[in-house]
Amino acid sequence: MAGFKEIRSNIELFFNVAKNCVRLNKVHQFTKESILKKVIRAFHLTSELIRTAKLFYIGVRELAEM
């Protein structure tokens, strides 16, 4: 079972990929519903981006720094 630090590190990497590659840091919407839709799309795209990057032997940490 993964330790707390490993889990936290993976979560931080996921959010860094979301911010840097899917522009999650650009959420400037006014309604809760529009923010929710944008975040759900960003999380799905981030998951797919990480999965695809692994197919091309690109590390998640490397992806997070792009």
N, C-alpha and C. Protein backbone atom coordinates (compact mmCIF):
# COMPACT_ATOMS: atom_id res chain seq x y z
N MET A 1 0.84 -1.19 0.00
CA MET A 1 0.00 0.00 0.00
C MET A 1 0.88 1.24 0.00
N ALA A 2 0.49 2.23 -0.77
CA ALA A 2 1.28 3.45 -0.88
C ALA A 2 1.18 4.27 0.39
N GLY A 3 2.27 4.91 0.73
CA GLY A 3 2.30 5.75 1.91
C GLY A 3 1.68 7.11 1.63
N PHE A 4 1.45 7.85 2.71
CA PHE A 4 0.82 9.17 2.60
C PHE A 4 1.62 10.11 1.70
N LYS A 5 2.95 10.14 1.86
CA LYS A 5 3.78 11.05 1.07
C LYS A 5 3.71 10.72 -0.42
N GLU A 6 3.66 9.45 -0.75
CA GLU A 6 3.57 9.04 -2.15
C GLU A 6 2.22 9.44 -2.74
N ILE A 7 1.16 9.24 -1.98
CA ILE A 7 -0.19 9.62 -2.44
C ILE A 7 -0.26 11.13 -2.63
N ARG A 8 0.25 11.88 -1.65
CA ARG A 8 0.22 13.34 -1.74
C ARG A 8 1.03 13.82 -2.94
N SER A 9 2.18 13.21 -3.16
CA SER A 9 3.02 13.58 -4.30
C SER A 9 2.28 13.35 -5.62
N ASN A 10 1.58 12.22 -5.73
CA ASN A 10 0.81 11.92 -6.95
C ASN A 10 -0.31 12.92 -7.16
N ILE A 11 -0.97 13.32 -6.08
CA ILE A 11 -2.04 14.31 -6.18
C ILE A 11 -1.47 15.65 -6.63
N GLU A 12 -0.34 16.05 -6.05
CA GLU A 12 0.28 17.32 -6.44
C GLU A 12 0.70 17.29 -7.91
N LEU A 13 1.25 16.17 -8.36
CA LEU A 13 1.61 16.06 -9.78
C LEU A 13 0.40 16.18 -10.68
N PHE A 14 -0.71 15.53 -10.29
CA PHE A 14 -1.93 15.60 -11.07
C PHE A 14 -2.40 17.05 -11.20
N PHE A 15 -2.41 17.77 -10.08
CA PHE A 15 -2.86 19.17 -10.12
C PHE A 15 -1.90 20.05 -10.91
N ASN A 16 -0.60 19.76 -10.85
CA ASN A 16 0.35 20.53 -11.65
C ASN A 16 0.13 20.31 -13.14
N VAL A 17 -0.15 19.07 -13.53
CA VAL A 17 -0.47 18.80 -14.93
C VAL A 17 -1.75 19.53 -15.31
N ALA A 18 -2.75 19.48 -14.44
CA ALA A 18 -4.02 20.16 -14.72
C ALA A 18 -3.81 21.67 -14.88
N LYS A 19 -3.01 22.25 -14.01
CA LYS A 19 -2.77 23.70 -14.09
C LYS A 19 -1.95 24.07 -15.30
N ASN A 20 -0.89 23.33 -15.57
CA ASN A 20 0.05 23.72 -16.61
C ASN A 20 -0.35 23.28 -18.01
N CYS A 21 -1.01 22.16 -18.14
CA CYS A 21 -1.31 21.62 -19.48
C CYS A 21 -2.77 21.80 -19.88
N VAL A 22 -3.66 21.87 -18.94
CA VAL A 22 -5.09 21.95 -19.26
C VAL A 22 -5.68 23.29 -18.83
N ARG A 23 -4.81 24.18 -18.35
CA ARG A 23 -5.20 25.53 -17.94
C ARG A 23 -6.27 25.57 -16.86
N LEU A 24 -6.18 24.68 -15.91
CA LEU A 24 -7.14 24.72 -14.81
C LEU A 24 -6.96 25.98 -13.97
N ASN A 25 -5.78 26.58 -14.00
CA ASN A 25 -5.55 27.80 -13.23
C ASN A 25 -6.27 29.01 -13.82
N LYS A 26 -6.87 28.86 -14.99
CA LYS A 26 -7.56 29.97 -15.66
C LYS A 26 -9.07 29.93 -15.43
N VAL A 27 -9.54 29.41 -14.31
CA VAL A 27 -10.97 29.34 -14.04
C VAL A 27 -11.43 30.71 -13.52
N HIS A 28 -12.10 31.46 -14.38
CA HIS A 28 -12.62 32.77 -14.01
C HIS A 28 -14.10 32.86 -14.39
N GLN A 29 -14.84 31.87 -14.02
CA GLN A 29 -16.26 31.85 -14.34
C GLN A 29 -17.03 32.41 -13.14
N PHE A 30 -18.28 32.74 -13.34
CA PHE A 30 -19.05 33.37 -12.28
C PHE A 30 -20.03 32.43 -11.59
N THR A 31 -20.52 31.43 -12.27
CA THR A 31 -21.51 30.56 -11.65
C THR A 31 -20.87 29.25 -11.21
N LYS A 32 -21.40 28.69 -10.16
CA LYS A 32 -20.89 27.43 -9.64
C LYS A 32 -21.01 26.32 -10.68
N GLU A 33 -22.10 26.33 -11.44
CA GLU A 33 -22.30 25.29 -12.45
C GLU A 33 -21.26 25.36 -13.56
N SER A 34 -20.94 26.56 -14.00
CA SER A 34 -19.95 26.68 -15.09
C SER A 34 -18.56 26.30 -14.61
N ILE A 35 -18.22 26.63 -13.38
CA ILE A 35 -16.93 26.21 -12.82
C ILE A 35 -16.90 24.70 -12.69
N LEU A 36 -17.98 24.10 -12.23
CA LEU A 36 -18.04 22.65 -12.06
C LEU A 36 -17.84 21.95 -13.40
N LYS A 37 -18.52 22.44 -14.46
CA LYS A 37 -18.36 21.83 -15.78
C LYS A 37 -16.92 21.94 -16.26
N LYS A 38 -16.30 23.09 -16.06
CA LYS A 38 -14.93 23.29 -16.52
C LYS A 38 -13.96 22.39 -15.74
N VAL A 39 -14.16 22.25 -14.44
CA VAL A 39 -13.28 21.43 -13.61
C VAL A 39 -13.43 19.95 -13.98
N ILE A 40 -14.65 19.50 -14.19
CA ILE A 40 -14.88 18.10 -14.57
C ILE A 40 -14.18 17.81 -15.89
N ARG A 41 -14.32 18.70 -16.87
CA ARG A 41 -13.65 18.51 -18.16
C ARG A 41 -12.14 18.50 -18.00
N ALA A 42 -11.63 19.42 -17.19
CA ALA A 42 -10.18 19.51 -16.98
C ALA A 42 -9.63 18.26 -16.31
N PHE A 43 -10.36 17.72 -15.35
CA PHE A 43 -9.91 16.50 -14.67
C PHE A 43 -9.92 15.31 -15.63
N HIS A 44 -10.94 15.21 -16.45
CA HIS A 44 -10.99 14.12 -17.42
C HIS A 44 -9.84 14.25 -18.43
N LEU A 45 -9.64 15.45 -18.95
CA LEU A 45 -8.56 15.67 -19.91
C LEU A 45 -7.19 15.42 -19.28
N THR A 46 -7.02 15.81 -18.03
CA THR A 46 -5.75 15.58 -17.33
C THR A 46 -5.48 14.09 -17.20
N SER A 47 -6.49 13.33 -16.82
CA SER A 47 -6.33 11.88 -16.69
C SER A 47 -5.94 11.26 -18.03
N GLU A 48 -6.60 11.68 -19.10
CA GLU A 48 -6.28 11.16 -20.42
C GLU A 48 -4.90 11.60 -20.88
N LEU A 49 -4.53 12.82 -20.57
CA LEU A 49 -3.21 13.32 -20.93
C LEU A 49 -2.11 12.52 -20.24
N ILE A 50 -2.28 12.23 -18.96
CA ILE A 50 -1.31 11.43 -18.21
C ILE A 50 -1.24 10.02 -18.79
N ARG A 51 -2.39 9.43 -19.08
CA ARG A 51 -2.42 8.08 -19.65
C ARG A 51 -1.71 8.05 -21.00
N THR A 52 -1.97 9.03 -21.83
CA THR A 52 -1.34 9.09 -23.15
C THR A 52 0.16 9.35 -23.04
N ALA A 53 0.56 10.22 -22.13
CA ALA A 53 1.98 10.51 -21.94
C ALA A 53 2.75 9.26 -21.55
N LYS A 54 2.14 8.42 -20.72
CA LYS A 54 2.80 7.18 -20.31
C LYS A 54 3.01 6.25 -21.50
N LEU A 55 2.11 6.27 -22.48
CA LEU A 55 2.27 5.46 -23.69
C LEU A 55 3.50 5.88 -24.49
N PHE A 56 3.85 7.17 -24.38
CA PHE A 56 5.01 7.70 -25.10
C PHE A 56 6.23 7.86 -24.18
N TYR A 57 6.17 7.18 -23.04
CA TYR A 57 7.27 7.17 -22.08
C TYR A 57 7.65 8.57 -21.58
N ILE A 58 6.64 9.41 -21.43
CA ILE A 58 6.84 10.73 -20.85
C ILE A 58 6.39 10.63 -19.39
N GLY A 59 7.27 10.99 -18.49
CA GLY A 59 6.96 10.90 -17.07
C GLY A 59 5.95 11.95 -16.64
N VAL A 60 5.18 11.65 -15.62
CA VAL A 60 4.17 12.59 -15.13
C VAL A 60 4.85 13.84 -14.57
N ARG A 61 5.97 13.66 -13.89
CA ARG A 61 6.70 14.80 -13.34
C ARG A 61 7.19 15.71 -14.47
N GLU A 62 7.67 15.12 -15.56
CA GLU A 62 8.10 15.89 -16.73
C GLU A 62 6.92 16.63 -17.34
N LEU A 63 5.79 15.96 -17.43
CA LEU A 63 4.57 16.56 -17.97
C LEU A 63 4.11 17.72 -17.10
N ALA A 64 4.22 17.58 -15.79
CA ALA A 64 3.79 18.61 -14.86
C ALA A 64 4.61 19.89 -14.99
N GLU A 65 5.83 19.75 -15.48
CA GLU A 65 6.71 20.92 -15.59
C GLU A 65 6.63 21.60 -16.95
N MET A 66 5.82 21.08 -17.85
CA MET A 66 5.69 21.68 -19.19
C MET A 66 4.95 22.98 -19.11
